[in-house]
Amino acid sequence: MIILGLDPSLSCTGYGLIRAEGNRLAHVANGQLKTDPKAPLPARLAHLATMLDALLADHRPDTAAAEEIFVNKNPQSTLKLAQARGVVLMIAARSGLEVGEYAARLVKKAVVGIGSAEKPQVHAMVQRLLPTATIAGPDAADALAVAITHAHHLASARSGLTQGR
């Protein structure tokens, strides 16, 4: 199963693709989808959608997961993040993917073991879990962490189903 993890942002949406086979995880791809900060907001959102469509066409994931929104101190930043996240969720859903959504604290706890972990800790643990990956940056590391969290969630759900029989 190929899992697409997404760390939505208007300026730089991170993505990470992993292959999950049982409890084994393998890196497929990761990167960053950047928009031009000088472009008008609608053009930036459309460009993000186009890049995500191309990514989905190239890799054909089986499922996706995105980090939930967090509230910034700056309301304008929160609104832009929410709009980018809406594009990410819509494009994934339009492609027929089920999309898991995870709070940042849950992702950090799933990957590092501590919900208050810092970005460098998440990056280091993702690198340890996916040793063949060359991680494109902090946004890509966060997206891979979201994908790993989703893989764990799906494995737990399957385990619960088989134990309930």
Protein backbone atom coordinates (compact mmCIF):
# COMPACT_ATOMS: atom_id res chain seq x y z
CA MET A 1 0.00 0.00 0.00
CA ILE A 2 1.33 3.44 -0.95
CA ILE A 3 0.52 6.18 1.57
CA LEU A 4 0.78 9.88 0.78
CA GLY A 5 1.45 12.14 3.76
CA LEU A 6 0.85 15.87 3.42
CA ASP A 7 1.95 18.86 5.49
CA PRO A 8 -0.21 21.61 3.96
CA SER A 9 1.02 25.17 3.62
CA LEU A 10 0.45 27.92 1.09
CA SER A 11 4.15 28.67 0.69
CA CYS A 12 5.55 25.14 0.87
CA THR A 13 3.40 22.01 1.16
CA GLY A 14 5.49 19.03 2.16
CA TYR A 15 4.72 15.60 0.78
CA GLY A 16 5.99 12.15 1.61
CA LEU A 17 5.17 8.80 0.06
CA ILE A 18 5.84 5.52 1.81
CA ARG A 19 5.09 1.89 1.06
CA ALA A 20 3.55 0.01 3.99
CA GLU A 21 3.58 -3.79 3.94
CA GLY A 22 2.42 -5.05 7.30
CA ASN A 23 4.69 -3.39 9.85
CA ARG A 24 7.42 -2.72 7.28
CA LEU A 25 7.74 0.80 5.91
CA ALA A 26 9.80 1.90 2.92
CA HIS A 27 10.46 5.34 1.48
CA VAL A 28 9.04 6.01 -1.99
CA ALA A 29 9.44 9.78 -2.48
CA ASN A 30 9.29 13.11 -0.71
CA GLY A 31 9.51 16.77 -1.55
CA GLN A 32 8.03 20.21 -1.35
CA LEU A 33 5.35 21.89 -3.46
CA LYS A 34 6.18 25.61 -3.46
CA THR A 35 4.08 28.53 -4.63
CA ASP A 36 5.22 32.02 -5.61
CA PRO A 37 4.65 34.39 -2.67
CA LYS A 38 4.31 37.31 -5.11
CA ALA A 39 1.45 35.67 -7.03
CA PRO A 40 -2.20 36.40 -6.15
CA LEU A 41 -3.79 33.99 -3.68
CA PRO A 42 -6.14 32.31 -6.23
CA ALA A 43 -3.20 31.66 -8.58
CA ARG A 44 -1.15 30.18 -5.73
CA LEU A 45 -4.00 27.86 -4.74
CA ALA A 46 -4.53 26.80 -8.36
CA HIS A 47 -0.79 26.11 -8.75
CA LEU A 48 -0.81 24.01 -5.57
CA ALA A 49 -3.76 22.02 -6.95
CA THR A 50 -1.99 21.46 -10.28
CA MET A 51 1.22 20.26 -8.58
CA LEU A 52 -0.73 17.90 -6.32
CA ASP A 53 -2.71 16.51 -9.27
CA ALA A 54 0.61 15.75 -11.03
CA LEU A 55 2.02 14.11 -7.89
CA LEU A 56 -1.05 11.88 -7.58
CA ALA A 57 -0.87 10.95 -11.27
CA ASP A 58 2.83 10.07 -10.98
CA HIS A 59 2.64 7.96 -7.81
CA ARG A 60 -0.98 6.74 -7.59
CA PRO A 61 -1.16 6.37 -3.80
CA ASP A 62 -3.77 4.10 -2.22
CA THR A 63 -4.58 6.46 0.63
CA ALA A 64 -3.56 9.85 2.00
CA ALA A 65 -3.23 11.68 5.29
CA ALA A 66 -2.85 15.35 6.16
CA GLU A 67 -1.85 17.24 9.23
CA GLU A 68 -4.74 19.07 10.87
CA ILE A 69 -4.70 22.83 11.07
CA PHE A 70 -3.25 24.61 14.05
CA VAL A 71 -4.09 28.17 14.99
CA ASN A 72 -1.27 30.66 14.52
CA LYS A 73 -0.93 33.90 16.44
CA ASN A 74 -1.47 35.66 13.10
CA PRO A 75 -5.06 35.16 11.87
CA GLN A 76 -4.04 35.88 8.25
CA SER A 77 -1.49 33.04 8.38
CA THR A 78 -4.12 30.70 9.78
CA LEU A 79 -6.54 31.61 6.98
CA LYS A 80 -3.92 31.02 4.27
CA LEU A 81 -3.00 27.69 5.86
CA ALA A 82 -6.68 26.71 5.97
CA GLN A 83 -7.15 27.59 2.30
CA ALA A 84 -4.10 25.56 1.25
CA ARG A 85 -5.28 22.66 3.42
CA GLY A 86 -8.70 22.84 1.76
CA VAL A 87 -7.07 22.52 -1.66
CA VAL A 88 -4.99 19.55 -0.49
CA LEU A 89 -8.01 17.74 0.98
CA MET A 90 -10.18 18.47 -2.06
CA ILE A 91 -7.62 17.26 -4.60
CA ALA A 92 -6.99 14.04 -2.64
CA ALA A 93 -10.71 13.37 -2.21
CA ARG A 94 -11.44 14.20 -5.85
CA SER A 95 -8.86 11.55 -6.78
CA GLY A 96 -10.88 8.99 -4.83
CA LEU A 97 -8.52 8.77 -1.87
CA GLU A 98 -9.68 8.41 1.69
CA VAL A 99 -7.84 11.02 3.74
CA GLY A 100 -6.83 10.57 7.37
CA GLU A 101 -6.36 13.71 9.42
CA TYR A 102 -3.99 13.94 12.36
CA ALA A 103 -3.16 16.65 14.87
CA ALA A 104 0.49 17.71 14.95
CA ARG A 105 0.84 16.52 18.56
CA LEU A 106 -0.46 13.07 17.61
CA VAL A 107 1.98 12.83 14.69
CA LYS A 108 4.90 13.81 16.95
CA LYS A 109 3.81 11.30 19.59
CA ALA A 110 3.43 8.52 17.00
CA VAL A 111 6.84 9.11 15.44
CA VAL A 112 9.00 10.45 18.27
CA GLY A 113 7.06 9.27 21.32
CA ILE A 114 6.53 12.80 22.67
CA GLY A 115 3.73 15.11 21.53
CA SER A 116 5.83 18.20 22.21
CA ALA A 117 8.80 17.07 20.08
CA GLU A 118 10.62 19.73 18.07
CA LYS A 119 11.01 19.65 14.26
CA PRO A 120 14.64 18.43 14.40
CA GLN A 121 13.56 15.48 16.58
CA VAL A 122 10.82 14.55 14.09
CA HIS A 123 13.29 14.83 11.19
CA ALA A 124 15.84 12.63 12.99
CA MET A 125 13.28 9.95 13.81
CA VAL A 126 11.86 9.92 10.28
CA GLN A 127 15.41 9.50 8.98
CA ARG A 128 15.91 6.59 11.36
CA LEU A 129 12.62 4.93 10.34
CA LEU A 130 13.27 5.48 6.62
CA PRO A 131 17.07 5.20 6.36
CA THR A 132 17.18 5.21 2.53
CA ALA A 133 15.36 8.55 2.30
CA THR A 134 17.07 11.79 1.38
CA ILE A 135 14.65 14.19 3.02
CA ALA A 136 13.95 17.37 1.02
CA GLY A 137 13.47 19.61 4.08
CA PRO A 138 11.46 20.08 7.28
CA ASP A 139 8.10 20.19 5.47
CA ALA A 140 8.88 16.92 3.68
CA ALA A 141 10.01 15.35 6.98
CA ASP A 142 6.73 16.39 8.58
CA ALA A 143 4.78 14.94 5.64
CA LEU A 144 6.67 11.63 5.94
CA ALA A 145 5.84 11.65 9.67
CA VAL A 146 2.15 12.09 8.79
CA ALA A 147 2.38 9.14 6.37
CA ILE A 148 4.07 6.99 9.05
CA THR A 149 1.36 7.94 11.55
CA HIS A 150 -1.33 6.96 9.04
CA ALA A 151 0.42 3.63 8.38
CA HIS A 152 0.45 2.90 12.14
CA HIS A 153 -3.21 3.91 12.42
CA LEU A 154 -4.23 1.66 9.52
CA ALA A 155 -2.21 -1.28 10.91
CA SER A 156 -3.84 -0.82 14.32
CA ALA A 157 -7.29 -0.71 12.73
CA ARG A 158 -6.60 -3.93 10.79
CA SER A 159 -5.19 -5.57 13.93
CA GLY A 160 -8.31 -4.62 15.86
CA LEU A 161 -10.52 -6.12 13.15
CA THR A 162 -8.67 -9.44 13.13
CA GLN A 163 -8.63 -9.66 16.92
CA GLY A 164 -12.37 -9.04 17.12
CA ARG A 165 -13.20 -12.17 15.11
